[in-house]
C-alpha atoms as a PDB file:
ATOM      1  CA  MET A   1      22.151 -45.628 -21.533  1.00  0.00           C
ATOM      2  CA  THR A   2      20.232 -49.071 -21.883  1.00  0.00           C
ATOM      3  CA  SER A   3      18.788 -49.799 -25.052  1.00  0.00           C
ATOM      4  CA  ARG A   4      15.275 -49.146 -23.710  1.00  0.00           C
ATOM      5  CA  GLU A   5      16.076 -45.374 -23.314  1.00  0.00           C
ATOM      6  CA  ARG A   6      17.959 -45.191 -26.286  1.00  0.00           C
ATOM      7  CA  VAL A   7      14.896 -46.148 -28.799  1.00  0.00           C
ATOM      8  CA  GLU A   8      12.674 -43.735 -26.087  1.00  0.00           C
ATOM      9  CA  LEU A   9      14.987 -40.906 -27.079  1.00  0.00           C
ATOM     10  CA  ALA A  10      15.324 -42.109 -31.088  1.00  0.00           C
ATOM     11  CA  ILE A  11      11.240 -42.082 -31.175  1.00  0.00           C
ATOM     12  CA  ASN A  12      11.051 -38.569 -29.450  1.00  0.00           C
ATOM     13  CA  HIS A  13      13.647 -37.527 -32.259  1.00  0.00           C
ATOM     14  CA  GLN A  14      16.078 -36.666 -29.407  1.00  0.00           C
ATOM     15  CA  LYS A  15      19.641 -37.222 -29.827  1.00  0.00           C
ATOM     16  CA  PRO A  16      20.805 -41.219 -28.261  1.00  0.00           C
ATOM     17  CA  ASP A  17      24.667 -42.108 -27.176  1.00  0.00           C
ATOM     18  CA  ARG A  18      24.588 -43.874 -30.714  1.00  0.00           C
ATOM     19  CA  VAL A  19      21.879 -45.109 -33.465  1.00  0.00           C
ATOM     20  CA  PRO A  20      19.642 -47.842 -32.171  1.00  0.00           C
ATOM     21  CA  ILE A  21      19.803 -51.086 -33.801  1.00  0.00           C
ATOM     22  CA  ASP A  22      17.349 -54.147 -34.095  1.00  0.00           C
ATOM     23  CA  VAL A  23      18.533 -57.002 -36.557  1.00  0.00           C
ATOM     24  CA  GLY A  24      17.064 -59.684 -34.514  1.00  0.00           C
ATOM     25  CA  GLY A  25      16.343 -58.533 -30.792  1.00  0.00           C
ATOM     26  CA  SER A  26      13.181 -60.815 -31.031  1.00  0.00           C
ATOM     27  CA  ARG A  27      11.252 -63.209 -33.471  1.00  0.00           C
ATOM     28  CA  VAL A  28       9.228 -60.334 -34.234  1.00  0.00           C
ATOM     29  CA  THR A  29      12.367 -58.587 -36.028  1.00  0.00           C
ATOM     30  CA  GLY A  30      14.617 -59.958 -38.032  1.00  0.00           C
ATOM     31  CA  ILE A  31      17.565 -59.070 -40.455  1.00  0.00           C
ATOM     32  CA  HIS A  32      17.253 -61.012 -44.213  1.00  0.00           C
ATOM     33  CA  ALA A  33      20.355 -63.797 -44.155  1.00  0.00           C
ATOM     34  CA  PHE A  34      22.035 -62.381 -47.219  1.00  0.00           C
ATOM     35  CA  ALA A  35      22.440 -59.153 -45.546  1.00  0.00           C
ATOM     36  CA  TYR A  36      23.065 -60.765 -42.214  1.00  0.00           C
ATOM     37  CA  LYS A  37      26.110 -62.523 -43.256  1.00  0.00           C
ATOM     38  CA  ARG A  38      27.417 -59.547 -45.049  1.00  0.00           C
ATOM     39  CA  LEU A  39      27.197 -57.481 -41.986  1.00  0.00           C
ATOM     40  CA  CYS A  40      29.200 -60.304 -40.239  1.00  0.00           C
ATOM     41  CA  ASP A  41      31.892 -60.381 -43.014  1.00  0.00           C
ATOM     42  CA  TYR A  42      31.870 -56.395 -42.868  1.00  0.00           C
ATOM     43  CA  VAL A  43      32.569 -56.471 -39.195  1.00  0.00           C
ATOM     44  CA  GLY A  44      35.065 -59.189 -39.195  1.00  0.00           C
ATOM     45  CA  LEU A  45      32.532 -61.524 -37.433  1.00  0.00           C
ATOM     46  CA  ASP A  46      33.313 -65.329 -38.495  1.00  0.00           C
ATOM     47  CA  VAL A  47      30.347 -66.619 -37.865  1.00  0.00           C
ATOM     48  CA  GLY A  48      29.812 -69.041 -40.680  1.00  0.00           C
ATOM     49  CA  PRO A  49      26.519 -69.331 -42.850  1.00  0.00           C
ATOM     50  CA  PRO A  50      23.690 -67.652 -40.954  1.00  0.00           C
ATOM     51  CA  ARG A  51      20.944 -70.268 -39.302  1.00  0.00           C
ATOM     52  CA  VAL A  52      17.704 -69.285 -40.881  1.00  0.00           C
ATOM     53  CA  TYR A  53      14.106 -69.441 -38.795  1.00  0.00           C
ATOM     54  CA  ASP A  54      12.007 -68.120 -41.009  1.00  0.00           C
ATOM     55  CA  VAL A  55      12.581 -69.462 -44.849  1.00  0.00           C
ATOM     56  CA  TYR A  56       9.873 -67.587 -46.400  1.00  0.00           C
ATOM     57  CA  GLN A  57      11.217 -64.364 -45.222  1.00  0.00           C
ATOM     58  CA  MET A  58      14.668 -65.829 -45.330  1.00  0.00           C
ATOM     59  CA  LEU A  59      15.571 -64.521 -41.903  1.00  0.00           C
ATOM     60  CA  ALA A  60      18.631 -65.116 -39.789  1.00  0.00           C
ATOM     61  CA  ASP A  61      18.846 -66.591 -36.648  1.00  0.00           C
ATOM     62  CA  ALA A  62      21.598 -63.956 -34.817  1.00  0.00           C
ATOM     63  CA  ASP A  63      24.458 -66.186 -33.743  1.00  0.00           C
ATOM     64  CA  ASP A  64      26.242 -65.549 -30.305  1.00  0.00           C
ATOM     65  CA  GLU A  65      29.073 -63.839 -31.490  1.00  0.00           C
ATOM     66  CA  PHE A  66      27.081 -61.355 -33.428  1.00  0.00           C
ATOM     67  CA  ILE A  67      24.586 -60.747 -30.227  1.00  0.00           C
ATOM     68  CA  LYS A  68      27.399 -59.603 -28.060  1.00  0.00           C
ATOM     69  CA  HIS A  69      29.264 -57.573 -30.862  1.00  0.00           C
ATOM     70  CA  PHE A  70      26.008 -55.492 -31.676  1.00  0.00           C
ATOM     71  CA  GLY A  71      24.542 -55.508 -27.877  1.00  0.00           C
ATOM     72  CA  VAL A  72      21.220 -57.314 -29.040  1.00  0.00           C
ATOM     73  CA  ARG A  73      18.803 -57.610 -26.441  1.00  0.00           C
ATOM     74  CA  LEU A  74      16.992 -60.599 -26.373  1.00  0.00           C
ATOM     75  CA  GLN A  75      13.333 -60.848 -25.349  1.00  0.00           C
ATOM     76  CA  GLY A  76      11.893 -63.284 -22.976  1.00  0.00           C
END
């Protein structure tokens, strides 16, 4: 199942194969730097301190290891 199909099913109140997540798939969405670090620690990813791309909102720039682990699809 593609990420797009997963989101469409969830939006239509149908059950996808897993819960769709978006934690930095584009610059429009994001994850707070503290939450990003805690999530990485929880799942055992050694990504170091998060890079912040939006200081006002403290949004973390997803690391390559994070992107691979969670299957984040980048726009562009």
